[in-house]
Amino acid sequence: MALGGIGSTCINHRSIEAVGRCKQCGKPFCGACKVTGPTGVFCSEECKVKHENFIDRAQKLDAKRGSLGLKAKLRKLVSTIVFILVLALVVGVIASLFEIPVLSDWVLRVRGIVGM
């Protein structure tokens, strides 16, 4: 079977046509060299083990990131609250400087509560 229209040969057996490509290294392999694992088809046991180790590390990293998700969400919430407070302060200053009918009443109430 030609791979991608090219007559590839096995990396280990140059006279035999390849039947697939290794999921880890991408090298062509024949039916005799084919090693099947839970994560795909490989050219050797070494590539199979490397890929399975990679998958394990990736899953552990994803799990670690998932536990950090709470910190990221909390950080985003705090930054949103700070942004809203700064925006309210800017609107309050503008409403104090210029006579804006709706905002001026609110600003006066807030300033009375704060003691300004």
PDB file of N, CA and C in Angstrom:
ATOM      1  N   MET A   1       0.853  -1.171   0.000  1.00  0.00           N
ATOM      2  CA  MET A   1       0.000   0.000   0.000  1.00  0.00           C
ATOM      3  C   MET A   1       0.894   1.227   0.000  1.00  0.00           C
ATOM      4  N   ALA A   2       0.682   2.107  -0.922  1.00  0.00           N
ATOM      5  CA  ALA A   2       1.446   3.346  -0.996  1.00  0.00           C
ATOM      6  C   ALA A   2       0.841   4.361  -0.047  1.00  0.00           C
ATOM      7  N   LEU A   3       1.690   5.103   0.639  1.00  0.00           N
ATOM      8  CA  LEU A   3       1.232   6.103   1.589  1.00  0.00           C
ATOM      9  C   LEU A   3       1.266   7.472   0.949  1.00  0.00           C
ATOM     10  N   GLY A   4       0.114   8.102   0.827  1.00  0.00           N
ATOM     11  CA  GLY A   4       0.045   9.443   0.259  1.00  0.00           C
ATOM     12  C   GLY A   4       0.505   9.489  -1.181  1.00  0.00           C
ATOM     13  N   GLY A   5       0.331   8.406  -1.932  1.00  0.00           N
ATOM     14  CA  GLY A   5       0.703   8.402  -3.334  1.00  0.00           C
ATOM     15  C   GLY A   5       2.187   8.150  -3.553  1.00  0.00           C
ATOM     16  N   ILE A   6       2.963   7.945  -2.495  1.00  0.00           N
ATOM     17  CA  ILE A   6       4.397   7.699  -2.618  1.00  0.00           C
ATOM     18  C   ILE A   6       4.641   6.246  -2.274  1.00  0.00           C
ATOM     19  N   GLY A   7       5.507   5.575  -2.999  1.00  0.00           N
ATOM     20  CA  GLY A   7       5.840   4.184  -2.709  1.00  0.00           C
ATOM     21  C   GLY A   7       6.827   4.101  -1.560  1.00  0.00           C
ATOM     22  N   SER A   8       6.381   4.336  -0.341  1.00  0.00           N
ATOM     23  CA  SER A   8       7.258   4.297   0.832  1.00  0.00           C
ATOM     24  C   SER A   8       7.630   2.873   1.167  1.00  0.00           C
ATOM     25  N   THR A   9       8.825   2.739   1.688  1.00  0.00           N
ATOM     26  CA  THR A   9       9.274   1.427   2.140  1.00  0.00           C
ATOM     27  C   THR A   9       9.519   1.482   3.639  1.00  0.00           C
ATOM     28  N   CYS A  10       9.499   0.318   4.255  1.00  0.00           N
ATOM     29  CA  CYS A  10       9.682   0.187   5.703  1.00  0.00           C
ATOM     30  C   CYS A  10      11.040   0.739   6.118  1.00  0.00           C
ATOM     31  N   ILE A  11      11.086   1.394   7.244  1.00  0.00           N
ATOM     32  CA  ILE A  11      12.329   1.969   7.761  1.00  0.00           C
ATOM     33  C   ILE A  11      13.348   0.878   8.098  1.00  0.00           C
ATOM     34  N   ASN A  12      12.875  -0.304   8.501  1.00  0.00           N
ATOM     35  CA  ASN A  12      13.764  -1.400   8.877  1.00  0.00           C
ATOM     36  C   ASN A  12      13.998  -2.404   7.746  1.00  0.00           C
ATOM     37  N   HIS A  13      13.036  -2.529   6.835  1.00  0.00           N
ATOM     38  CA  HIS A  13      13.117  -3.487   5.723  1.00  0.00           C
ATOM     39  C   HIS A  13      12.926  -2.723   4.423  1.00  0.00           C
ATOM     40  N   ARG A  14      14.018  -2.287   3.818  1.00  0.00           N
ATOM     41  CA  ARG A  14      13.980  -1.412   2.640  1.00  0.00           C
ATOM     42  C   ARG A  14      13.328  -2.060   1.419  1.00  0.00           C
ATOM     43  N   SER A  15      13.219  -3.365   1.387  1.00  0.00           N
ATOM     44  CA  SER A  15      12.632  -4.023   0.222  1.00  0.00           C
ATOM     45  C   SER A  15      11.122  -4.259   0.375  1.00  0.00           C
ATOM     46  N   ILE A  16      10.572  -3.944   1.553  1.00  0.00           N
ATOM     47  CA  ILE A  16       9.148  -4.178   1.799  1.00  0.00           C
ATOM     48  C   ILE A  16       8.411  -2.849   1.831  1.00  0.00           C
ATOM     49  N   GLU A  17       7.261  -2.830   1.161  1.00  0.00           N
ATOM     50  CA  GLU A  17       6.452  -1.616   1.115  1.00  0.00           C
ATOM     51  C   GLU A  17       5.811  -1.358   2.488  1.00  0.00           C
ATOM     52  N   ALA A  18       5.777  -0.102   2.862  1.00  0.00           N
ATOM     53  CA  ALA A  18       5.224   0.286   4.161  1.00  0.00           C
ATOM     54  C   ALA A  18       3.704   0.175   4.162  1.00  0.00           C
ATOM     55  N   VAL A  19       3.157  -0.126   5.356  1.00  0.00           N
ATOM     56  CA  VAL A  19       1.702  -0.212   5.508  1.00  0.00           C
ATOM     57  C   VAL A  19       1.158   0.930   6.369  1.00  0.00           C
ATOM     58  N   GLY A  20       2.043   1.697   6.969  1.00  0.00           N
ATOM     59  CA  GLY A  20       1.604   2.808   7.809  1.00  0.00           C
ATOM     60  C   GLY A  20       2.768   3.653   8.259  1.00  0.00           C
ATOM     61  N   ARG A  21       2.441   4.681   9.017  1.00  0.00           N
ATOM     62  CA  ARG A  21       3.469   5.571   9.578  1.00  0.00           C
ATOM     63  C   ARG A  21       3.316   5.605  11.093  1.00  0.00           C
ATOM     64  N   CYS A  22       4.437   5.682  11.758  1.00  0.00           N
ATOM     65  CA  CYS A  22       4.477   5.683  13.218  1.00  0.00           C
ATOM     66  C   CYS A  22       3.824   6.952  13.762  1.00  0.00           C
ATOM     67  N   LYS A  23       2.990   6.800  14.769  1.00  0.00           N
ATOM     68  CA  LYS A  23       2.307   7.941  15.379  1.00  0.00           C
ATOM     69  C   LYS A  23       3.295   8.810  16.157  1.00  0.00           C
ATOM     70  N   GLN A  24       4.399   8.243  16.620  1.00  0.00           N
ATOM     71  CA  GLN A  24       5.381   8.995  17.402  1.00  0.00           C
ATOM     72  C   GLN A  24       6.396   9.704  16.506  1.00  0.00           C
ATOM     73  N   CYS A  25       7.040   8.964  15.616  1.00  0.00           N
ATOM     74  CA  CYS A  25       8.140   9.547  14.837  1.00  0.00           C
ATOM     75  C   CYS A  25       7.793   9.794  13.375  1.00  0.00           C
ATOM     76  N   GLY A  26       6.705   9.207  12.891  1.00  0.00           N
ATOM     77  CA  GLY A  26       6.270   9.438  11.515  1.00  0.00           C
ATOM     78  C   GLY A  26       6.985   8.596  10.480  1.00  0.00           C
ATOM     79  N   LYS A  27       7.835   7.677  10.902  1.00  0.00           N
ATOM     80  CA  LYS A  27       8.570   6.842   9.956  1.00  0.00           C
ATOM     81  C   LYS A  27       7.668   5.714   9.440  1.00  0.00           C
ATOM     82  N   PRO A  28       7.873   5.324   8.182  1.00  0.00           N
ATOM     83  CA  PRO A  28       7.046   4.243   7.608  1.00  0.00           C
ATOM     84  C   PRO A  28       7.473   2.876   8.150  1.00  0.00           C
ATOM     85  N   PHE A  29       6.491   1.979   8.303  1.00  0.00           N
ATOM     86  CA  PHE A  29       6.783   0.630   8.795  1.00  0.00           C
ATOM     87  C   PHE A  29       5.991  -0.390   7.988  1.00  0.00           C
ATOM     88  N   CYS A  30       6.482  -1.625   8.010  1.00  0.00           N
ATOM     89  CA  CYS A  30       5.787  -2.723   7.322  1.00  0.00           C
ATOM     90  C   CYS A  30       4.932  -3.482   8.332  1.00  0.00           C
ATOM     91  N   GLY A  31       4.217  -4.479   7.852  1.00  0.00           N
ATOM     92  CA  GLY A  31       3.362  -5.271   8.726  1.00  0.00           C
ATOM     93  C   GLY A  31       4.132  -6.023   9.793  1.00  0.00           C
ATOM     94  N   ALA A  32       5.368  -6.424   9.506  1.00  0.00           N
ATOM     95  CA  ALA A  32       6.175  -7.160  10.474  1.00  0.00           C
ATOM     96  C   ALA A  32       6.671  -6.252  11.604  1.00  0.00           C
ATOM     97  N   CYS A  33       6.901  -5.007  11.303  1.00  0.00           N
ATOM     98  CA  CYS A  33       7.420  -4.060  12.307  1.00  0.00           C
ATOM     99  C   CYS A  33       6.300  -3.367  13.085  1.00  0.00           C
ATOM    100  N   LYS A  34       5.100  -3.473  12.619  1.00  0.00           N
ATOM    101  CA  LYS A  34       3.951  -2.769  13.207  1.00  0.00           C
ATOM    102  C   LYS A  34       3.740  -3.165  14.665  1.00  0.00           C
ATOM    103  N   VAL A  35       3.699  -2.146  15.548  1.00  0.00           N
ATOM    104  CA  VAL A  35       3.450  -2.352  16.976  1.00  0.00           C
ATOM    105  C   VAL A  35       2.198  -1.550  17.322  1.00  0.00           C
ATOM    106  N   THR A  36       1.164  -2.240  17.775  1.00  0.00           N
ATOM    107  CA  THR A  36      -0.095  -1.580  18.108  1.00  0.00           C
ATOM    108  C   THR A  36      -0.183  -1.378  19.608  1.00  0.00           C
ATOM    109  N   GLY A  37      -0.591  -0.188  20.003  1.00  0.00           N
ATOM    110  CA  GLY A  37      -0.760   0.127  21.412  1.00  0.00           C
ATOM    111  C   GLY A  37      -2.102   0.807  21.632  1.00  0.00           C
ATOM    112  N   PRO A  38      -2.435   1.118  22.876  1.00  0.00           N
ATOM    113  CA  PRO A  38      -3.722   1.748  23.170  1.00  0.00           C
ATOM    114  C   PRO A  38      -3.851   3.167  22.606  1.00  0.00           C
ATOM    115  N   THR A  39      -2.709   3.772  22.276  1.00  0.00           N
ATOM    116  CA  THR A  39      -2.762   5.146  21.767  1.00  0.00           C
ATOM    117  C   THR A  39      -2.487   5.244  20.274  1.00  0.00           C
ATOM    118  N   GLY A  40      -2.275   4.112  19.591  1.00  0.00           N
ATOM    119  CA  GLY A  40      -2.053   4.162  18.151  1.00  0.00           C
ATOM    120  C   GLY A  40      -1.177   3.044  17.655  1.00  0.00           C
ATOM    121  N   VAL A  41      -0.640   3.245  16.431  1.00  0.00           N
ATOM    122  CA  VAL A  41       0.210   2.255  15.774  1.00  0.00           C
ATOM    123  C   VAL A  41       1.598   2.869  15.617  1.00  0.00           C
ATOM    124  N   PHE A  42       2.641   2.067  15.916  1.00  0.00           N
ATOM    125  CA  PHE A  42       4.001   2.583  15.970  1.00  0.00           C
ATOM    126  C   PHE A  42       4.959   1.689  15.201  1.00  0.00           C
ATOM    127  N   CYS A  43       6.162   2.223  14.937  1.00  0.00           N
ATOM    128  CA  CYS A  43       7.178   1.467  14.194  1.00  0.00           C
ATOM    129  C   CYS A  43       8.009   0.571  15.098  1.00  0.00           C
ATOM    130  N   SER A  44       7.992   0.850  16.399  1.00  0.00           N
ATOM    131  CA  SER A  44       8.786   0.051  17.333  1.00  0.00           C
ATOM    132  C   SER A  44       8.180   0.146  18.727  1.00  0.00           C
ATOM    133  N   GLU A  45       8.617  -0.755  19.581  1.00  0.00           N
ATOM    134  CA  GLU A  45       8.174  -0.735  20.977  1.00  0.00           C
ATOM    135  C   GLU A  45       8.667   0.543  21.663  1.00  0.00           C
ATOM    136  N   GLU A  46       9.846   0.986  21.284  1.00  0.00           N
ATOM    137  CA  GLU A  46      10.416   2.215  21.863  1.00  0.00           C
ATOM    138  C   GLU A  46       9.512   3.422  21.580  1.00  0.00           C
ATOM    139  N   CYS A  47       9.058   3.568  20.341  1.00  0.00           N
ATOM    140  CA  CYS A  47       8.170   4.681  20.001  1.00  0.00           C
ATOM    141  C   CYS A  47       6.832   4.562  20.721  1.00  0.00           C
ATOM    142  N   LYS A  48       6.343   3.351  20.874  1.00  0.00           N
ATOM    143  CA  LYS A  48       5.088   3.127  21.594  1.00  0.00           C
ATOM    144  C   LYS A  48       5.218   3.605  23.036  1.00  0.00           C
ATOM    145  N   VAL A  49       6.314   3.228  23.707  1.00  0.00           N
ATOM    146  CA  VAL A  49       6.547   3.622  25.098  1.00  0.00           C
ATOM    147  C   VAL A  49       6.715   5.135  25.204  1.00  0.00           C
ATOM    148  N   LYS A  50       7.465   5.734  24.283  1.00  0.00           N
ATOM    149  CA  LYS A  50       7.653   7.195  24.290  1.00  0.00           C
ATOM    150  C   LYS A  50       6.313   7.908  24.183  1.00  0.00           C
ATOM    151  N   HIS A  51       5.463   7.433  23.285  1.00  0.00           N
ATOM    152  CA  HIS A  51       4.165   8.081  23.084  1.00  0.00           C
ATOM    153  C   HIS A  51       3.262   7.907  24.298  1.00  0.00           C
ATOM    154  N   GLU A  52       3.260   6.725  24.888  1.00  0.00           N
ATOM    155  CA  GLU A  52       2.440   6.497  26.080  1.00  0.00           C
ATOM    156  C   GLU A  52       2.924   7.362  27.247  1.00  0.00           C
ATOM    157  N   ASN A  53       4.243   7.533  27.395  1.00  0.00           N
ATOM    158  CA  ASN A  53       4.783   8.421  28.431  1.00  0.00           C
ATOM    159  C   ASN A  53       4.370   9.863  28.178  1.00  0.00           C
ATOM    160  N   PHE A  54       4.402  10.256  26.904  1.00  0.00           N
ATOM    161  CA  PHE A  54       3.973  11.612  26.542  1.00  0.00           C
ATOM    162  C   PHE A  54       2.505  11.828  26.909  1.00  0.00           C
ATOM    163  N   ILE A  55       1.662  10.864  26.589  1.00  0.00           N
ATOM    164  CA  ILE A  55       0.233  10.973  26.895  1.00  0.00           C
ATOM    165  C   ILE A  55       0.026  11.066  28.404  1.00  0.00           C
ATOM    166  N   ASP A  56       0.753  10.257  29.180  1.00  0.00           N
ATOM    167  CA  ASP A  56       0.644  10.311  30.648  1.00  0.00           C
ATOM    168  C   ASP A  56       1.033  11.676  31.184  1.00  0.00           C
ATOM    169  N   ARG A  57       2.150  12.229  30.696  1.00  0.00           N
ATOM    170  CA  ARG A  57       2.595  13.554  31.150  1.00  0.00           C
ATOM    171  C   ARG A  57       1.581  14.628  30.767  1.00  0.00           C
ATOM    172  N   ALA A  58       1.028  14.539  29.567  1.00  0.00           N
ATOM    173  CA  ALA A  58       0.042  15.526  29.114  1.00  0.00           C
ATOM    174  C   ALA A  58      -1.218  15.475  29.976  1.00  0.00           C
ATOM    175  N   GLN A  59      -1.663  14.262  30.329  1.00  0.00           N
ATOM    176  CA  GLN A  59      -2.847  14.129  31.174  1.00  0.00           C
ATOM    177  C   GLN A  59      -2.596  14.673  32.574  1.00  0.00           C
ATOM    178  N   LYS A  60      -1.399  14.442  33.118  1.00  0.00           N
ATOM    179  CA  LYS A  60      -1.061  14.982  34.439  1.00  0.00           C
ATOM    180  C   LYS A  60      -1.020  16.512  34.406  1.00  0.00           C
ATOM    181  N   LEU A  61      -0.475  17.064  33.331  1.00  0.00           N
ATOM    182  CA  LEU A  61      -0.421  18.520  33.196  1.00  0.00           C
ATOM    183  C   LEU A  61      -1.823  19.104  33.077  1.00  0.00           C
ATOM    184  N   ASP A  62      -2.686  18.456  32.318  1.00  0.00           N
ATOM    185  CA  ASP A  62      -4.076  18.918  32.205  1.00  0.00           C
ATOM    186  C   ASP A  62      -4.784  18.864  33.554  1.00  0.00           C
ATOM    187  N   ALA A  63      -4.540  17.808  34.322  1.00  0.00           N
ATOM    188  CA  ALA A  63      -5.160  17.695  35.649  1.00  0.00           C
ATOM    189  C   ALA A  63      -4.647  18.795  36.565  1.00  0.00           C
ATOM    190  N   LYS A  64      -3.358  19.089  36.473  1.00  0.00           N
ATOM    191  CA  LYS A  64      -2.779  20.151  37.293  1.00  0.00           C
ATOM    192  C   LYS A  64      -3.381  21.506  36.911  1.00  0.00           C
ATOM    193  N   ARG A  65      -3.533  21.744  35.626  1.00  0.00           N
ATOM    194  CA  ARG A  65      -4.145  23.001  35.167  1.00  0.00           C
ATOM    195  C   ARG A  65      -5.584  23.100  35.630  1.00  0.00           C
ATOM    196  N   GLY A  66      -6.281  21.987  35.651  1.00  0.00           N
ATOM    197  CA  GLY A  66      -7.672  21.984  36.102  1.00  0.00           C
ATOM    198  C   GLY A  66      -7.781  22.413  37.554  1.00  0.00           C
ATOM    199  N   SER A  67      -6.821  22.014  38.390  1.00  0.00           N
ATOM    200  CA  SER A  67      -6.861  22.413  39.794  1.00  0.00           C
ATOM    201  C   SER A  67      -6.504  23.879  39.951  1.00  0.00           C
ATOM    202  N   LEU A  68      -5.748  24.437  39.014  1.00  0.00           N
ATOM    203  CA  LEU A  68      -5.407  25.856  39.057  1.00  0.00           C
ATOM    204  C   LEU A  68      -6.528  26.715  38.490  1.00  0.00           C
ATOM    205  N   GLY A  69      -7.541  26.088  37.926  1.00  0.00           N
ATOM    206  CA  GLY A  69      -8.634  26.826  37.324  1.00  0.00           C
ATOM    207  C   GLY A  69      -9.346  27.728  38.308  1.00  0.00           C
ATOM    208  N   LEU A  70      -9.461  27.306  39.560  1.00  0.00           N
ATOM    209  CA  LEU A  70     -10.122  28.110  40.581  1.00  0.00           C
ATOM    210  C   LEU A  70      -9.358  29.410  40.820  1.00  0.00           C
ATOM    211  N   LYS A  71      -8.029  29.313  40.870  1.00  0.00           N
ATOM    212  CA  LYS A  71      -7.218  30.522  41.048  1.00  0.00           C
ATOM    213  C   LYS A  71      -7.407  31.480  39.877  1.00  0.00           C
ATOM    214  N   ALA A  72      -7.425  30.953  38.682  1.00  0.00           N
ATOM    215  CA  ALA A  72      -7.585  31.800  37.503  1.00  0.00           C
ATOM    216  C   ALA A  72      -8.954  32.468  37.498  1.00  0.00           C
ATOM    217  N   LYS A  73      -9.991  31.717  37.879  1.00  0.00           N
ATOM    218  CA  LYS A  73     -11.335  32.285  37.923  1.00  0.00           C
ATOM    219  C   LYS A  73     -11.437  33.361  38.992  1.00  0.00           C
ATOM    220  N   LEU A  74     -10.828  33.128  40.147  1.00  0.00           N
ATOM    221  CA  LEU A  74     -10.838  34.112  41.226  1.00  0.00           C
ATOM    222  C   LEU A  74     -10.088  35.376  40.815  1.00  0.00           C
ATOM    223  N   ARG A  75      -8.944  35.200  40.151  1.00  0.00           N
ATOM    224  CA  ARG A  75      -8.167  36.340  39.667  1.00  0.00           C
ATOM    225  C   ARG A  75      -8.978  37.156  38.660  1.00  0.00           C
ATOM    226  N   LYS A  76      -9.691  36.476  37.782  1.00  0.00           N
ATOM    227  CA  LYS A  76     -10.507  37.168  36.796  1.00  0.00           C
ATOM    228  C   LYS A  76     -11.653  37.921  37.474  1.00  0.00           C
ATOM    229  N   LEU A  77     -12.277  37.310  38.479  1.00  0.00           N
ATOM    230  CA  LEU A  77     -13.366  37.958  39.201  1.00  0.00           C
ATOM    231  C   LEU A  77     -12.873  39.223  39.903  1.00  0.00           C
ATOM    232  N   VAL A  78     -11.728  39.128  40.571  1.00  0.00           N
ATOM    233  CA  VAL A  78     -11.175  40.284  41.276  1.00  0.00           C
ATOM    234  C   VAL A  78     -10.818  41.396  40.294  1.00  0.00           C
ATOM    235  N   SER A  79     -10.217  41.038  39.172  1.00  0.00           N
ATOM    236  CA  SER A  79      -9.862  42.073  38.194  1.00  0.00           C
ATOM    237  C   SER A  79     -11.109  42.716  37.598  1.00  0.00           C
ATOM    238  N   THR A  80     -12.176  41.957  37.415  1.00  0.00           N
ATOM    239  CA  THR A  80     -13.429  42.528  36.910  1.00  0.00           C
ATOM    240  C   THR A  80     -14.024  43.493  37.931  1.00  0.00           C
ATOM    241  N   ILE A  81     -14.001  43.117  39.200  1.00  0.00           N
ATOM    242  CA  ILE A  81     -14.529  44.002  40.251  1.00  0.00           C
ATOM    243  C   ILE A  81     -13.707  45.284  40.324  1.00  0.00           C
ATOM    244  N   VAL A  82     -12.393  45.173  40.257  1.00  0.00           N
ATOM    245  CA  VAL A  82     -11.537  46.364  40.280  1.00  0.00           C
ATOM    246  C   VAL A  82     -11.839  47.251  39.077  1.00  0.00           C
ATOM    247  N   PHE A  83     -12.002  46.665  37.909  1.00  0.00           N
ATOM    248  CA  PHE A  83     -12.320  47.436  36.709  1.00  0.00           C
ATOM    249  C   PHE A  83     -13.639  48.193  36.882  1.00  0.00           C
ATOM    250  N   ILE A  84     -14.646  47.518  37.412  1.00  0.00           N
ATOM    251  CA  ILE A  84     -15.956  48.162  37.605  1.00  0.00           C
ATOM    252  C   ILE A  84     -15.845  49.307  38.611  1.00  0.00           C
ATOM    253  N   LEU A  85     -15.087  49.113  39.685  1.00  0.00           N
ATOM    254  CA  LEU A  85     -14.916  50.173  40.677  1.00  0.00           C
ATOM    255  C   LEU A  85     -14.183  51.381  40.091  1.00  0.00           C
ATOM    256  N   VAL A  86     -13.146  51.134  39.309  1.00  0.00           N
ATOM    257  CA  VAL A  86     -12.426  52.239  38.664  1.00  0.00           C
ATOM    258  C   VAL A  86     -13.337  52.958  37.679  1.00  0.00           C
ATOM    259  N   LEU A  87     -14.107  52.218  36.924  1.00  0.00           N
ATOM    260  CA  LEU A  87     -15.048  52.818  35.983  1.00  0.00           C
ATOM    261  C   LEU A  87     -16.089  53.663  36.718  1.00  0.00           C
ATOM    262  N   ALA A  88     -16.591  53.146  37.845  1.00  0.00           N
ATOM    263  CA  ALA A  88     -17.560  53.903  38.642  1.00  0.00           C
ATOM    264  C   ALA A  88     -16.928  55.178  39.190  1.00  0.00           C
ATOM    265  N   LEU A  89     -15.683  55.121  39.593  1.00  0.00           N
ATOM    266  CA  LEU A  89     -14.976  56.302  40.086  1.00  0.00           C
ATOM    267  C   LEU A  89     -14.830  57.349  38.987  1.00  0.00           C
ATOM    268  N   VAL A  90     -14.450  56.912  37.806  1.00  0.00           N
ATOM    269  CA  VAL A  90     -14.292  57.842  36.673  1.00  0.00           C
ATOM    270  C   VAL A  90     -15.640  58.478  36.329  1.00  0.00           C
ATOM    271  N   VAL A  91     -16.685  57.680  36.276  1.00  0.00           N
ATOM    272  CA  VAL A  91     -18.021  58.223  35.984  1.00  0.00           C
ATOM    273  C   VAL A  91     -18.446  59.191  37.087  1.00  0.00           C
ATOM    274  N   GLY A  92     -18.133  58.866  38.337  1.00  0.00           N
ATOM    275  CA  GLY A  92     -18.465  59.752  39.457  1.00  0.00           C
ATOM    276  C   GLY A  92     -17.754  61.084  39.364  1.00  0.00           C
ATOM    277  N   VAL A  93     -16.484  61.064  39.005  1.00  0.00           N
ATOM    278  CA  VAL A  93     -15.728  62.313  38.857  1.00  0.00           C
ATOM    279  C   VAL A  93     -16.306  63.144  37.718  1.00  0.00           C
ATOM    280  N   ILE A  94     -16.605  62.499  36.619  1.00  0.00           N
ATOM    281  CA  ILE A  94     -17.193  63.225  35.477  1.00  0.00           C
ATOM    282  C   ILE A  94     -18.551  63.792  35.857  1.00  0.00           C
ATOM    283  N   ALA A  95     -19.356  63.001  36.574  1.00  0.00           N
ATOM    284  CA  ALA A  95     -20.681  63.474  36.986  1.00  0.00           C
ATOM    285  C   ALA A  95     -20.574  64.628  37.980  1.00  0.00           C
ATOM    286  N   SER A  96     -19.504  64.659  38.785  1.00  0.00           N
ATOM    287  CA  SER A  96     -19.304  65.763  39.727  1.00  0.00           C
ATOM    288  C   SER A  96     -18.887  67.039  39.002  1.00  0.00           C
ATOM    289  N   LEU A  97     -18.097  66.892  37.968  1.00  0.00           N
ATOM    290  CA  LEU A  97     -17.609  68.066  37.246  1.00  0.00           C
ATOM    291  C   LEU A  97     -18.662  68.665  36.322  1.00  0.00           C
ATOM    292  N   PHE A  98     -19.457  67.812  35.736  1.00  0.00           N
ATOM    293  CA  PHE A  98     -20.482  68.260  34.794  1.00  0.00           C
ATOM    294  C   PHE A  98     -21.852  67.899  35.362  1.00  0.00           C
ATOM    295  N   GLU A  99     -22.805  68.701  35.116  1.00  0.00           N
ATOM    296  CA  GLU A  99     -24.159  68.478  35.638  1.00  0.00           C
ATOM    297  C   GLU A  99     -24.876  67.460  34.752  1.00  0.00           C
ATOM    298  N   ILE A 100     -24.846  66.202  35.186  1.00  0.00           N
ATOM    299  CA  ILE A 100     -25.548  65.135  34.486  1.00  0.00           C
ATOM    300  C   ILE A 100     -26.713  64.738  35.390  1.00  0.00           C
ATOM    301  N   PRO A 101     -27.945  65.022  34.978  1.00  0.00           N
ATOM    302  CA  PRO A 101     -29.101  64.884  35.865  1.00  0.00           C
ATOM    303  C   PRO A 101     -29.207  63.539  36.585  1.00  0.00           C
ATOM    304  N   VAL A 102     -29.123  62.441  35.911  1.00  0.00           N
ATOM    305  CA  VAL A 102     -29.307  61.140  36.542  1.00  0.00           C
ATOM    306  C   VAL A 102     -28.102  60.782  37.406  1.00  0.00           C
ATOM    307  N   LEU A 103     -26.911  60.958  36.880  1.00  0.00           N
ATOM    308  CA  LEU A 103     -25.704  60.555  37.595  1.00  0.00           C
ATOM    309  C   LEU A 103     -25.375  61.470  38.764  1.00  0.00           C
ATOM    310  N   SER A 104     -25.657  62.735  38.654  1.00  0.00           N
ATOM    311  CA  SER A 104     -25.314  63.675  39.720  1.00  0.00           C
ATOM    312  C   SER A 104     -26.008  63.319  41.028  1.00  0.00           C
ATOM    313  N   ASP A 105     -27.272  62.904  40.978  1.00  0.00           N
ATOM    314  CA  ASP A 105     -27.985  62.503  42.191  1.00  0.00           C
ATOM    315  C   ASP A 105     -27.321  61.283  42.840  1.00  0.00           C
ATOM    316  N   TRP A 106     -26.959  60.312  42.036  1.00  0.00           N
ATOM    317  CA  TRP A 106     -26.315  59.108  42.559  1.00  0.00           C
ATOM    318  C   TRP A 106     -24.951  59.444  43.167  1.00  0.00           C
ATOM    319  N   VAL A 107     -24.226  60.297  42.473  1.00  0.00           N
ATOM    320  CA  VAL A 107     -22.894  60.671  42.963  1.00  0.00           C
ATOM    321  C   VAL A 107     -23.017  61.384  44.300  1.00  0.00           C
ATOM    322  N   LEU A 108     -23.993  62.265  44.427  1.00  0.00           N
ATOM    323  CA  LEU A 108     -24.184  62.984  45.687  1.00  0.00           C
ATOM    324  C   LEU A 108     -24.537  62.020  46.810  1.00  0.00           C
ATOM    325  N   ARG A 109     -25.371  61.038  46.536  1.00  0.00           N
ATOM    326  CA  ARG A 109     -25.732  60.038  47.558  1.00  0.00           C
ATOM    327  C   ARG A 109     -24.499  59.232  47.994  1.00  0.00           C
ATOM    328  N   VAL A 110     -23.734  58.784  47.031  1.00  0.00           N
ATOM    329  CA  VAL A 110     -22.535  58.001  47.342  1.00  0.00           C
ATOM    330  C   VAL A 110     -21.540  58.847  48.119  1.00  0.00           C
ATOM    331  N   ARG A 111     -21.359  60.087  47.692  1.00  0.00           N
ATOM    332  CA  ARG A 111     -20.434  60.970  48.403  1.00  0.00           C
ATOM    333  C   ARG A 111     -20.915  61.230  49.832  1.00  0.00           C
ATOM    334  N   GLY A 112     -22.226  61.307  50.039  1.00  0.00           N
ATOM    335  CA  GLY A 112     -22.773  61.460  51.383  1.00  0.00           C
ATOM    336  C   GLY A 112     -22.524  60.242  52.240  1.00  0.00           C
ATOM    337  N   ILE A 113     -22.656  59.046  51.657  1.00  0.00           N
ATOM    338  CA  ILE A 113     -22.409  57.807  52.384  1.00  0.00           C
ATOM    339  C   ILE A 113     -20.923  57.678  52.745  1.00  0.00           C
ATOM    340  N   VAL A 114     -20.078  58.014  51.798  1.00  0.00           N
ATOM    341  CA  VAL A 114     -18.626  57.903  52.006  1.00  0.00           C
ATOM    342  C   VAL A 114     -18.137  59.022  52.938  1.00  0.00           C
ATOM    343  N   GLY A 115     -18.824  60.151  52.947  1.00  0.00           N
ATOM    344  CA  GLY A 115     -18.431  61.267  53.799  1.00  0.00           C
ATOM    345  C   GLY A 115     -17.575  62.285  53.082  1.00  0.00           C
ATOM    346  N   MET A 116     -17.798  62.439  51.805  1.00  0.00           N
ATOM    347  CA  MET A 116     -17.016  63.415  51.041  1.00  0.00           C
ATOM    348  C   MET A 116     -17.838  64.632  50.774  1.00  0.00           C
TER     349      MET A 116
END
